[in-house]
Protein backbone atom coordinates (compact mmCIF):
# COMPACT_ATOMS: atom_id res chain seq x y z
CA UNK A 1 -22.37 -4.24 2.96
CA UNK A 2 -19.00 -5.90 2.35
CA UNK A 3 -17.74 -8.71 4.54
CA UNK A 4 -13.96 -8.96 4.62
CA UNK A 5 -10.96 -9.56 6.82
CA UNK A 6 -7.31 -8.54 6.73
CA UNK A 7 -4.79 -11.36 6.40
CA UNK A 8 -1.06 -11.59 5.65
CA UNK A 9 -0.38 -12.50 2.02
CA UNK A 10 1.33 -15.79 1.20
CA UNK A 11 3.04 -16.88 -1.98
CA UNK A 12 -0.20 -18.65 -2.96
CA UNK A 13 -1.87 -15.22 -3.17
CA UNK A 14 0.40 -14.06 -6.02
CA UNK A 15 -2.15 -14.65 -8.83
CA UNK A 16 -4.91 -12.81 -6.97
CA UNK A 17 -2.57 -9.99 -5.97
CA UNK A 18 -1.43 -9.54 -9.57
CA UNK A 19 -5.07 -9.45 -10.68
CA UNK A 20 -5.87 -6.91 -7.94
CA UNK A 21 -2.98 -4.66 -9.00
CA UNK A 22 -4.26 -4.73 -12.58
CA UNK A 23 -7.78 -3.90 -11.42
CA UNK A 24 -6.54 -0.96 -9.33
CA UNK A 25 -4.49 0.39 -12.23
CA UNK A 26 -7.53 0.21 -14.51
CA UNK A 27 -9.77 2.00 -11.98
CA UNK A 28 -7.61 5.07 -11.43
CA UNK A 29 -4.31 6.73 -12.24
CA UNK A 30 -3.13 7.04 -8.64
CA UNK A 31 -1.21 3.77 -8.44
CA UNK A 32 2.54 3.76 -9.04
CA UNK A 33 2.55 0.96 -11.61
CA UNK A 34 1.24 1.30 -15.13
CA UNK A 35 -0.37 -1.84 -16.57
CA UNK A 36 2.81 -2.98 -18.34
CA UNK A 37 4.89 -2.50 -15.16
CA UNK A 38 2.83 -4.58 -12.74
CA UNK A 39 5.02 -7.41 -11.45
CA UNK A 40 4.37 -10.80 -12.99
CA UNK A 41 2.92 -13.54 -10.80
CA UNK A 42 6.28 -15.31 -10.58
CA UNK A 43 7.99 -12.18 -9.28
CA UNK A 44 5.18 -11.52 -6.79
CA UNK A 45 5.38 -15.13 -5.61
CA UNK A 46 9.14 -14.76 -5.02
CA UNK A 47 8.67 -11.49 -3.16
CA UNK A 48 5.87 -12.88 -0.98
CA UNK A 49 7.98 -15.93 -0.18
CA UNK A 50 10.93 -13.73 0.78
CA UNK A 51 8.83 -11.33 2.86
CA UNK A 52 7.41 -14.24 4.87
CA UNK A 53 10.96 -15.08 5.96
CA UNK A 54 11.89 -11.62 7.23
CA UNK A 55 10.56 -8.88 9.47
CA UNK A 56 11.58 -6.29 6.88
CA UNK A 57 8.28 -6.16 4.99
CA UNK A 58 4.70 -7.32 4.94
CA UNK A 59 1.89 -7.54 2.42
CA UNK A 60 -1.54 -7.47 4.03
CA UNK A 61 -4.68 -8.25 2.04
CA UNK A 62 -8.33 -7.32 2.53
CA UNK A 63 -10.11 -10.54 1.52
CA UNK A 64 -13.84 -11.06 1.08
CA UNK A 65 -15.69 -14.08 2.47
CA UNK A 66 -15.56 -15.50 -1.08
CA UNK A 67 -11.79 -15.02 -1.45
CA UNK A 68 -11.89 -11.88 -3.61
CA UNK A 69 -9.36 -9.16 -2.80
CA UNK A 70 -10.61 -5.67 -1.99
CA UNK A 71 -7.24 -4.11 -1.29
CA UNK A 72 -3.70 -4.45 -0.05
CA UNK A 73 -1.11 -2.60 1.93
CA UNK A 74 2.62 -3.11 1.66
CA UNK A 75 5.07 -1.93 4.29
CA UNK A 76 8.79 -2.35 3.75
CA UNK A 77 11.60 -1.05 5.92
CA UNK A 78 15.05 0.15 5.06
CA UNK A 79 17.86 -2.37 4.67
CA UNK A 80 20.65 -0.23 6.10
CA UNK A 81 21.22 0.28 9.81
CA UNK A 82 20.51 4.01 9.52
CA UNK A 83 17.09 3.56 7.91
CA UNK A 84 16.05 0.16 9.23
CA UNK A 85 13.44 1.80 11.49
CA UNK A 86 11.77 3.64 8.62
CA UNK A 87 8.90 1.96 6.82
CA UNK A 88 7.55 2.93 3.43
CA UNK A 89 3.90 2.22 2.80
CA UNK A 90 1.88 1.56 -0.36
CA UNK A 91 -1.89 1.07 -0.31
CA UNK A 92 -4.50 0.18 -2.89
CA UNK A 93 -8.25 -0.27 -2.36
CA UNK A 94 -10.75 -1.15 -5.09
CA UNK A 95 -13.48 1.36 -5.90
CA UNK A 96 -16.22 -0.96 -4.63
CA UNK A 97 -14.51 -1.17 -1.22
CA UNK A 98 -13.74 2.53 -0.79
CA UNK A 99 -15.73 4.15 1.99
CA UNK A 100 -16.43 0.76 3.65
CA UNK A 101 -13.57 0.80 6.16
CA UNK A 102 -11.23 -1.41 4.14
CA UNK A 103 -8.54 1.27 3.78
CA UNK A 104 -8.81 2.23 7.45
CA UNK A 105 -8.44 -1.38 8.59
CA UNK A 106 -5.50 -2.02 6.25
CA UNK A 107 -3.81 1.12 7.58
CA UNK A 108 -4.49 0.16 11.22
CA UNK A 109 -2.98 -3.29 10.63
CA UNK A 110 0.04 -1.80 8.84
CA UNK A 111 0.64 0.63 11.70
CA UNK A 112 0.31 -2.17 14.27
CA UNK A 113 2.76 -4.34 12.29
CA UNK A 114 5.19 -1.42 12.11
CA UNK A 115 5.05 -0.77 15.84
CA UNK A 116 5.48 -4.47 16.60
CA UNK A 117 8.61 -4.50 14.41
CA UNK A 118 10.01 -1.40 16.14
CA UNK A 119 9.71 1.00 13.24
CA UNK A 120 9.78 4.61 14.38
CA UNK A 121 8.53 6.21 11.17
CA UNK A 122 6.10 5.30 8.41
CA UNK A 123 6.22 7.30 5.20
CA UNK A 124 4.39 7.43 1.90
CA UNK A 125 3.78 9.58 -1.14
CA UNK A 126 0.35 10.46 -2.47
CA UNK A 127 -0.69 12.49 -5.49
CA UNK A 128 -1.95 15.88 -4.34
CA UNK A 129 -5.23 15.38 -6.23
CA UNK A 130 -5.98 12.00 -4.59
CA UNK A 131 -8.35 13.49 -2.02
CA UNK A 132 -9.80 10.18 -0.77
CA UNK A 133 -6.38 8.75 0.05
CA UNK A 134 -5.21 12.04 1.53
CA UNK A 135 -8.19 12.11 3.91
CA UNK A 136 -7.56 8.49 4.92
CA UNK A 137 -3.89 9.09 5.63
CA UNK A 138 -4.60 12.22 7.65
CA UNK A 139 -7.31 10.36 9.60
CA UNK A 140 -4.63 7.77 10.46
CA UNK A 141 -2.31 10.48 11.79
CA UNK A 142 -0.03 11.03 8.80
CA UNK A 143 1.14 14.59 8.27
CA UNK A 144 2.26 16.34 5.11
CA UNK A 145 5.97 17.04 5.26
CA UNK A 146 6.36 18.60 1.85
CA UNK A 147 5.41 18.67 -1.81
CA UNK A 148 7.35 16.82 -4.46
CA UNK A 149 6.74 18.93 -7.54
CA UNK A 150 6.41 17.28 -10.95
CA UNK A 151 7.70 13.99 -9.53
CA UNK A 152 5.70 11.65 -11.76
CA UNK A 153 4.36 11.59 -15.29
CA UNK A 154 0.77 10.31 -15.35
CA UNK A 155 -1.29 10.27 -18.54
CA UNK A 156 1.27 12.56 -20.19
CA UNK A 157 0.96 15.16 -17.42
CA UNK A 158 3.33 15.89 -14.58
CA UNK A 159 1.80 15.44 -11.14
CA UNK A 160 2.80 16.67 -7.71
CA UNK A 161 2.85 14.42 -4.67
CA UNK A 162 2.75 15.02 -0.97
CA UNK A 163 5.45 13.40 1.12
CA UNK A 164 3.67 12.26 4.27
CA UNK A 165 4.82 10.56 7.44
CA UNK A 166 3.60 9.19 10.74
CA UNK A 167 6.06 9.16 13.63
CA UNK A 168 5.43 6.07 15.75
């Protein structure tokens, strides 16, 4: 059994977050970044510092009792007045932590953060063949709004994604 808690990321978490992103990319092909595109620690540190100063985004981390990261969720809202109430969500959970409630807790915390910051919509995209993530998102109340056909090139193959949203 895994012991973990969800905490807000700080700039000091940049090295661990970068390492986590690399681990997630190596475990599956569902993440948006390829290995060479994962933000460097310096860039992550800058982004985490900036996000701590605004209510426009949050990084939340699932951290083990020993300080290892099991996953993260990022929520960022629009910067224009017309989309400032819309949050976009990105989630990553390591293979070892899948099925242990980590994803569910990260999602619950992201939804709570979004409600607290008066977002009225959370949205995300998920590859149509990512059945674990799809089940998690549906369990959290997200609904499929459409299919984005051939919207990404993964391992030299075009993939489709579902556009999903949760109205808060």
